Amino acid sequence: MKRVSVWVTVLGIGILTALAGCQRGSGDGAVQIALVVKTLNHPFFMDMEQGARRAADSLGVRLIVQGPEREVDVEKQMQIIENLIQRRVNALCVAPCGSREIVPAIVKANRDAIPVLVVDTRVDTETLRESGGTTACFIGSDNYQGGVLAGREIIARLNGTGRVALLEGIPGHETGDERKRGFLDALNDAPGITVVASQTANWERDQGYTVFQNILQAHPETDGLFACNDLMALGALEAIAAAGREGDILVIGFDALQDARDAIAAGTMTASVAQHPQEMGRQAVLNAYRLLAGESVPREIPVPITLVTAGPDSAE
C-alpha cells in the first residue's frame, strides 16, 4: 500500500506542476478530466460513466461527463467538446458519435494542447491524418471480433444452415460497420446460411421493433437475427412476440445490457457480446491522468470481449 501511495503522490505533484505552467483546470486548482459519451441515456454509457467516476474518485480528480441526448446527434456532441475546450479542461476522453465528424474537434483540442483519448469507437485514421490531428490512445473492444463471435454462434446454433437478418447501426459509424463486417466474414465459412435482409435501425429500440417487424413480414422464413446492439435486439424481440414467433428465431445482440441478460436468462434471447464499458471508463480516466503526469501511455488499450449465453459454455 505504501508503494501505491507514493506513486499517486508523485503523479499528483507532476500534474500540479504541469497545471501551474499552463494555467489550465478549475479555479480551485483541481485537475479536470472530461468524458464525452455518445449519449447519457444509454445503459452502456451509464456503465462507462460509473467506471470513470470510480477511477476519478480514487485519483482525486474532477470528472465532467457530458453527451447528447441521442447517439445520432453528432453536431451536439461537437458543441459539447468545443465548450469543454473553452473551459480549458485538462484532458478529453471521447466516445465519438461520428468517426469522421469528430476530427475537427480533435484538431481544436490539439491546438490548445489538450490530450484526447478515444474510447469505444475509433476515429477515422485517414481523416485524422489529413487534418493533421492526433490522439493519445484508443481504449476499447475489437468490434470486428465481436461480430465474428456473433457469426460463429449463429452458425453453431443453426448447424450451418438457415436464413438470417442483420440490424445495423448508424451507417458509416465505425462501431457498427466493424460489427457487421465481422459477422458477415464469419458467415463466409457457412455457405448454407443466407442473409435475407440487412437494414439500419440506428441503434434504437423502437426502430429495432419497426424495422424487424417489416423484415419479418417480407421474410417470414427468417431463422436468426444479429443486431449490432442490444437495444435494437430488444426491439426485435418485441416484434417477434407481436408476430407470435417467440422461440422460433435466434436473436444475438451486442453490449450485454442488463435487459439483454434478463432476456437471455428467460430464454427469449440467444446471446449477446459483452464489452465491459466500466473498464473502458476506468482506463480512460486512469490513462488521461498518466498523460497529465508526463507519462507515456500505450497507443492501444484493448478491453476484452466475451459472449454471454444461458448455457454452461457462456464466457460469463
Protein backbone atom coordinates (compact mmCIF):
# COMPACT_ATOMS: atom_id res chain seq x y z
CA MET A 1 0.00 0.00 0.00
CA LYS A 2 2.85 2.40 0.74
CA ARG A 3 4.22 1.89 -2.76
CA VAL A 4 0.82 2.76 -4.31
CA SER A 5 0.53 5.89 -2.13
CA VAL A 6 3.96 7.08 -3.22
CA TRP A 7 3.06 6.51 -6.89
CA VAL A 8 -0.16 8.54 -6.59
CA THR A 9 1.68 11.30 -4.73
CA VAL A 10 4.34 11.54 -7.40
CA LEU A 11 1.70 11.67 -10.13
CA GLY A 12 -0.17 14.36 -8.26
CA ILE A 13 2.96 16.52 -7.92
CA GLY A 14 3.67 16.12 -11.64
CA ILE A 15 0.16 17.16 -12.60
CA LEU A 16 0.12 20.18 -10.31
CA THR A 17 3.44 21.30 -11.75
CA ALA A 18 2.13 20.99 -15.29
CA LEU A 19 -1.01 22.91 -14.44
CA ALA A 20 0.97 25.70 -12.87
CA GLY A 21 2.73 26.21 -16.19
CA CYS A 22 -0.35 26.29 -18.45
CA GLN A 23 -2.99 27.78 -16.09
CA ARG A 24 -5.50 25.13 -17.09
CA GLY A 25 -8.06 23.38 -14.91
CA SER A 26 -10.68 24.53 -12.45
CA GLY A 27 -10.38 27.73 -10.49
CA ASP A 28 -9.56 25.81 -7.31
CA GLY A 29 -6.62 24.04 -8.91
CA ALA A 30 -8.33 20.65 -9.27
CA VAL A 31 -7.49 18.55 -12.31
CA GLN A 32 -10.45 18.34 -14.69
CA ILE A 33 -10.89 15.37 -17.00
CA ALA A 34 -13.92 15.33 -19.33
CA LEU A 35 -15.63 12.18 -20.59
CA VAL A 36 -17.85 12.90 -23.59
CA VAL A 37 -20.08 9.94 -24.43
CA LYS A 38 -22.40 9.31 -27.36
CA THR A 39 -25.48 9.72 -25.20
CA LEU A 40 -26.27 9.96 -21.49
CA ASN A 41 -29.43 7.86 -21.96
CA HIS A 42 -27.90 4.51 -22.90
CA PRO A 43 -27.12 1.91 -20.17
CA PHE A 44 -23.79 1.14 -21.89
CA PHE A 45 -22.57 4.71 -21.40
CA MET A 46 -24.09 4.89 -17.92
CA ASP A 47 -21.85 1.93 -17.05
CA MET A 48 -18.89 3.65 -18.69
CA GLU A 49 -19.53 6.72 -16.53
CA GLN A 50 -19.61 4.58 -13.39
CA GLY A 51 -16.19 3.13 -14.16
CA ALA A 52 -14.82 6.58 -14.97
CA ARG A 53 -16.18 8.08 -11.74
CA ARG A 54 -14.67 5.36 -9.59
CA ALA A 55 -11.29 5.99 -11.18
CA ALA A 56 -11.63 9.76 -10.80
CA ASP A 57 -12.59 9.44 -7.14
CA SER A 58 -9.63 7.17 -6.42
CA LEU A 59 -7.24 9.62 -8.10
CA GLY A 60 -8.75 12.77 -6.63
CA VAL A 61 -9.56 14.44 -9.96
CA ARG A 62 -12.72 16.22 -11.04
CA LEU A 63 -14.65 14.34 -13.73
CA ILE A 64 -17.07 16.06 -16.11
CA VAL A 65 -19.38 13.71 -18.02
CA GLN A 66 -21.48 15.07 -20.87
CA GLY A 67 -23.14 13.79 -24.03
CA PRO A 68 -26.03 14.46 -26.42
CA GLU A 69 -29.50 13.11 -25.89
CA ARG A 70 -29.27 10.80 -28.93
CA GLU A 71 -26.35 8.92 -30.44
CA VAL A 72 -27.14 10.29 -33.87
CA ASP A 73 -26.69 13.91 -32.75
CA VAL A 74 -23.13 14.43 -33.96
CA GLU A 75 -23.43 18.23 -34.06
CA LYS A 76 -24.47 18.38 -30.40
CA GLN A 77 -21.51 16.28 -29.38
CA MET A 78 -19.21 18.60 -31.32
CA GLN A 79 -20.69 21.61 -29.47
CA ILE A 80 -20.14 19.87 -26.14
CA ILE A 81 -16.49 19.24 -26.95
CA GLU A 82 -15.91 22.80 -28.11
CA ASN A 83 -17.44 24.13 -24.88
CA LEU A 84 -15.17 21.89 -22.83
CA ILE A 85 -12.16 23.15 -24.77
CA GLN A 86 -13.20 26.71 -23.95
CA ARG A 87 -13.47 25.70 -20.29
CA ARG A 88 -9.88 24.52 -20.64
CA VAL A 89 -10.31 21.07 -19.19
CA ASN A 90 -7.03 19.24 -18.74
CA ALA A 91 -7.87 16.16 -20.83
CA LEU A 92 -10.67 14.89 -23.08
CA CYS A 93 -11.90 11.30 -23.25
CA VAL A 94 -14.31 10.98 -26.16
CA ALA A 95 -16.58 8.21 -27.47
CA PRO A 96 -17.23 9.67 -30.94
CA CYS A 97 -20.75 9.82 -32.38
CA GLY A 98 -19.11 10.11 -35.79
CA SER A 99 -15.69 8.68 -36.66
CA ARG A 100 -15.00 11.36 -39.28
CA GLU A 101 -17.14 14.19 -37.95
CA ILE A 102 -15.27 14.29 -34.63
CA VAL A 103 -11.94 15.16 -36.27
CA PRO A 104 -12.30 19.00 -36.33
CA ALA A 105 -12.99 18.97 -32.58
CA ILE A 106 -9.88 16.87 -32.01
CA VAL A 107 -7.81 19.34 -34.02
CA LYS A 108 -9.13 22.21 -31.86
CA ALA A 109 -8.17 20.33 -28.72
CA ASN A 110 -4.71 19.70 -30.19
CA ARG A 111 -4.25 23.44 -30.75
CA ASP A 112 -5.00 24.07 -27.08
CA ALA A 113 -2.62 21.29 -26.02
CA ILE A 114 -5.47 19.24 -24.52
CA PRO A 115 -4.75 15.50 -24.88
CA VAL A 116 -7.55 13.47 -26.48
CA LEU A 117 -8.16 9.83 -25.61
CA VAL A 118 -10.64 7.97 -27.83
CA VAL A 119 -12.99 5.46 -26.21
CA ASP A 120 -15.19 2.69 -27.68
CA THR A 121 -15.34 3.93 -31.31
CA ARG A 122 -12.23 4.63 -33.35
CA VAL A 123 -11.62 7.89 -35.17
CA ASP A 124 -11.24 7.56 -38.93
CA THR A 125 -7.48 7.27 -39.40
CA GLU A 126 -7.27 8.81 -42.86
CA THR A 127 -9.44 11.82 -41.97
CA LEU A 128 -7.39 12.44 -38.84
CA ARG A 129 -4.12 12.17 -40.75
CA GLU A 130 -5.25 14.57 -43.47
CA SER A 131 -6.32 17.11 -40.85
CA GLY A 132 -3.02 16.93 -39.01
CA GLY A 133 -4.79 15.92 -35.81
CA THR A 134 -3.54 13.47 -33.20
CA THR A 135 -4.99 11.35 -30.43
CA ALA A 136 -3.15 9.92 -27.45
CA CYS A 137 -4.62 6.42 -27.50
CA PHE A 138 -7.64 4.25 -28.23
CA ILE A 139 -9.40 2.37 -25.43
CA GLY A 140 -11.99 -0.15 -26.47
CA SER A 141 -13.03 -3.55 -27.71
CA ASP A 142 -12.38 -5.17 -31.06
CA ASN A 143 -15.80 -4.71 -32.65
CA TYR A 144 -14.82 -6.78 -35.66
CA GLN A 145 -14.01 -9.78 -33.47
CA GLY A 146 -17.27 -9.24 -31.62
CA GLY A 147 -19.10 -9.57 -34.91
CA VAL A 148 -17.13 -12.72 -35.66
CA LEU A 149 -18.17 -14.18 -32.29
CA ALA A 150 -21.82 -13.46 -33.10
CA GLY A 151 -21.49 -15.01 -36.56
CA ARG A 152 -19.89 -18.17 -35.25
CA GLU A 153 -22.62 -18.52 -32.63
CA ILE A 154 -25.33 -18.19 -35.28
CA ILE A 155 -23.59 -20.82 -37.42
CA ALA A 156 -23.34 -23.23 -34.48
CA ARG A 157 -26.94 -22.72 -33.38
CA LEU A 158 -28.32 -23.18 -36.89
CA ASN A 159 -25.97 -26.10 -37.68
CA GLY A 160 -24.64 -24.18 -40.67
CA THR A 161 -27.98 -23.84 -42.50
CA GLY A 162 -30.63 -21.16 -42.36
CA ARG A 163 -31.79 -17.65 -43.18
CA VAL A 164 -30.65 -14.72 -41.06
CA ALA A 165 -31.21 -10.98 -40.89
CA LEU A 166 -29.00 -8.16 -39.69
CA LEU A 167 -29.91 -4.93 -37.88
CA GLU A 168 -27.15 -2.42 -38.50
CA GLY A 169 -26.12 0.64 -36.52
CA ILE A 170 -25.79 4.16 -37.88
CA PRO A 171 -24.49 3.96 -41.49
CA GLY A 172 -20.83 4.96 -41.72
CA HIS A 173 -20.33 4.57 -37.97
CA GLU A 174 -17.13 2.65 -37.32
CA THR A 175 -18.51 0.64 -34.41
CA GLY A 176 -21.50 -0.78 -36.26
CA ASP A 177 -19.64 -1.15 -39.54
CA GLU A 178 -16.96 -3.32 -37.91
CA ARG A 179 -19.51 -5.49 -36.11
CA LYS A 180 -21.38 -6.02 -39.36
CA ARG A 181 -18.17 -6.78 -41.25
CA GLY A 182 -17.02 -9.33 -38.66
CA PHE A 183 -20.40 -11.05 -38.69
CA LEU A 184 -20.57 -11.31 -42.46
CA ASP A 185 -16.96 -12.51 -42.69
CA ALA A 186 -17.76 -15.27 -40.20
CA LEU A 187 -20.71 -16.35 -42.34
CA ASN A 188 -18.33 -16.90 -45.26
CA ASP A 189 -17.47 -20.18 -43.54
CA ALA A 190 -21.10 -21.29 -43.73
CA PRO A 191 -22.37 -21.25 -47.34
CA GLY A 192 -25.62 -22.83 -46.14
CA ILE A 193 -26.59 -19.64 -44.32
CA THR A 194 -28.23 -16.85 -46.34
CA VAL A 195 -28.60 -13.21 -45.28
CA VAL A 196 -32.16 -12.29 -46.28
CA ALA A 197 -32.06 -8.66 -45.08
CA SER A 198 -29.60 -6.13 -43.68
CA GLN A 199 -31.07 -2.79 -42.60
CA THR A 200 -30.23 0.00 -40.19
CA ALA A 201 -32.24 0.65 -37.03
CA ASN A 202 -29.91 3.48 -35.89
CA TRP A 203 -29.06 1.84 -32.54
CA GLU A 204 -32.58 2.50 -31.18
CA ARG A 205 -35.07 0.10 -29.60
CA ASP A 206 -38.20 1.49 -31.23
CA GLN A 207 -36.56 1.36 -34.65
CA GLY A 208 -35.40 -2.18 -33.92
CA TYR A 209 -39.04 -3.10 -33.41
CA THR A 210 -40.32 -1.37 -36.54
CA VAL A 211 -37.52 -2.45 -38.87
CA PHE A 212 -37.55 -6.08 -37.79
CA GLN A 213 -41.35 -6.19 -37.94
CA ASN A 214 -41.05 -5.18 -41.60
CA ILE A 215 -38.32 -7.74 -42.19
CA LEU A 216 -40.49 -10.50 -40.73
CA GLN A 217 -43.37 -9.52 -42.98
CA ALA A 218 -41.11 -9.61 -46.05
CA HIS A 219 -39.15 -12.70 -44.94
CA PRO A 220 -41.29 -14.82 -42.59
CA GLU A 221 -38.86 -17.69 -43.07
CA THR A 222 -36.15 -15.86 -41.08
CA ASP A 223 -34.38 -18.20 -38.63
CA GLY A 224 -31.98 -15.86 -36.89
CA LEU A 225 -31.02 -12.23 -36.27
CA PHE A 226 -27.83 -10.41 -35.37
CA ALA A 227 -28.46 -6.90 -34.06
CA CYS A 228 -25.39 -4.69 -33.77
CA ASN A 229 -26.51 -3.54 -30.32
CA ASP A 230 -28.82 -4.81 -27.62
CA LEU A 231 -31.38 -2.02 -27.86
CA MET A 232 -32.15 -2.97 -31.45
CA ALA A 233 -32.17 -6.65 -30.44
CA LEU A 234 -34.65 -5.95 -27.64
CA GLY A 235 -36.89 -4.07 -30.05
CA ALA A 236 -36.70 -7.02 -32.42
CA LEU A 237 -37.75 -9.35 -29.59
CA GLU A 238 -40.90 -7.27 -29.18
CA ALA A 239 -41.60 -7.61 -32.91
CA ILE A 240 -41.06 -11.36 -32.66
CA ALA A 241 -43.50 -11.58 -29.73
CA ALA A 242 -46.07 -9.46 -31.58
CA ALA A 243 -45.83 -11.87 -34.53
CA GLY A 244 -46.32 -14.87 -32.27
CA ARG A 245 -42.85 -16.18 -33.18
CA GLU A 246 -41.26 -16.41 -29.71
CA GLY A 247 -38.84 -19.30 -29.59
CA ASP A 248 -38.71 -19.61 -33.38
CA ILE A 249 -35.98 -17.05 -34.12
CA LEU A 250 -32.46 -16.88 -32.70
CA VAL A 251 -31.50 -13.35 -31.60
CA ILE A 252 -27.95 -12.26 -30.82
CA GLY A 253 -27.21 -8.73 -29.66
CA PHE A 254 -24.17 -6.72 -28.66
CA ASP A 255 -23.30 -4.94 -25.35
CA ALA A 256 -24.78 -7.43 -22.84
CA LEU A 257 -27.02 -4.82 -21.20
CA GLN A 258 -28.94 -5.96 -18.13
CA ASP A 259 -32.23 -6.15 -20.08
CA ALA A 260 -30.49 -8.35 -22.63
CA ARG A 261 -29.03 -10.56 -19.89
CA ASP A 262 -32.51 -10.92 -18.41
CA ALA A 263 -33.89 -11.90 -21.82
CA ILE A 264 -31.10 -14.46 -22.25
CA ALA A 265 -31.88 -15.92 -18.81
CA ALA A 266 -35.56 -16.06 -19.74
CA GLY A 267 -34.75 -17.87 -22.98
CA THR A 268 -36.18 -15.25 -25.34
CA MET A 269 -32.76 -14.01 -26.48
CA THR A 270 -29.93 -16.29 -27.56
CA ALA A 271 -26.74 -14.38 -26.69
CA SER A 272 -25.03 -11.01 -26.54
CA VAL A 273 -21.43 -9.86 -26.92
CA ALA A 274 -20.17 -8.15 -23.76
CA GLN A 275 -17.71 -5.26 -23.98
CA HIS A 276 -17.19 -4.20 -20.34
CA PRO A 277 -17.85 -0.43 -20.58
CA GLN A 278 -17.00 0.18 -16.93
CA GLU A 279 -13.46 -0.94 -17.65
CA MET A 280 -13.33 1.40 -20.67
CA GLY A 281 -14.31 4.32 -18.45
CA ARG A 282 -11.80 3.38 -15.80
CA GLN A 283 -8.97 3.01 -18.27
CA ALA A 284 -9.85 6.32 -19.96
CA VAL A 285 -9.57 8.35 -16.75
CA LEU A 286 -6.53 6.46 -15.48
CA ASN A 287 -4.57 6.95 -18.69
CA ALA A 288 -5.62 10.60 -19.04
CA TYR A 289 -4.22 11.09 -15.53
CA ARG A 290 -0.98 9.41 -16.51
CA LEU A 291 -0.64 11.61 -19.59
CA LEU A 292 -1.08 14.74 -17.48
CA ALA A 293 1.67 13.48 -15.19
CA GLY A 294 4.03 13.31 -18.16
CA GLU A 295 3.94 9.55 -18.54
CA SER A 296 3.62 7.75 -21.85
CA VAL A 297 0.59 5.52 -22.45
CA PRO A 298 0.03 2.70 -24.96
CA ARG A 299 -1.45 3.66 -28.32
CA GLU A 300 -3.93 0.81 -27.98
CA ILE A 301 -5.55 -0.30 -24.72
CA PRO A 302 -7.73 -3.33 -25.53
CA VAL A 303 -10.76 -4.22 -23.42
CA PRO A 304 -11.75 -7.88 -23.79
CA ILE A 305 -15.00 -9.11 -25.32
CA THR A 306 -16.94 -12.16 -24.23
CA LEU A 307 -20.07 -13.96 -25.38
CA VAL A 308 -22.91 -14.13 -22.84
CA THR A 309 -25.31 -17.05 -23.24
CA ALA A 310 -27.63 -19.00 -20.96
CA GLY A 311 -25.67 -22.21 -21.37
CA PRO A 312 -22.74 -23.69 -19.42
CA ASP A 313 -20.33 -22.57 -22.17
CA SER A 314 -21.06 -18.89 -21.61
CA ALA A 315 -17.90 -16.82 -21.15
CA GLU A 316 -19.52 -15.03 -18.19
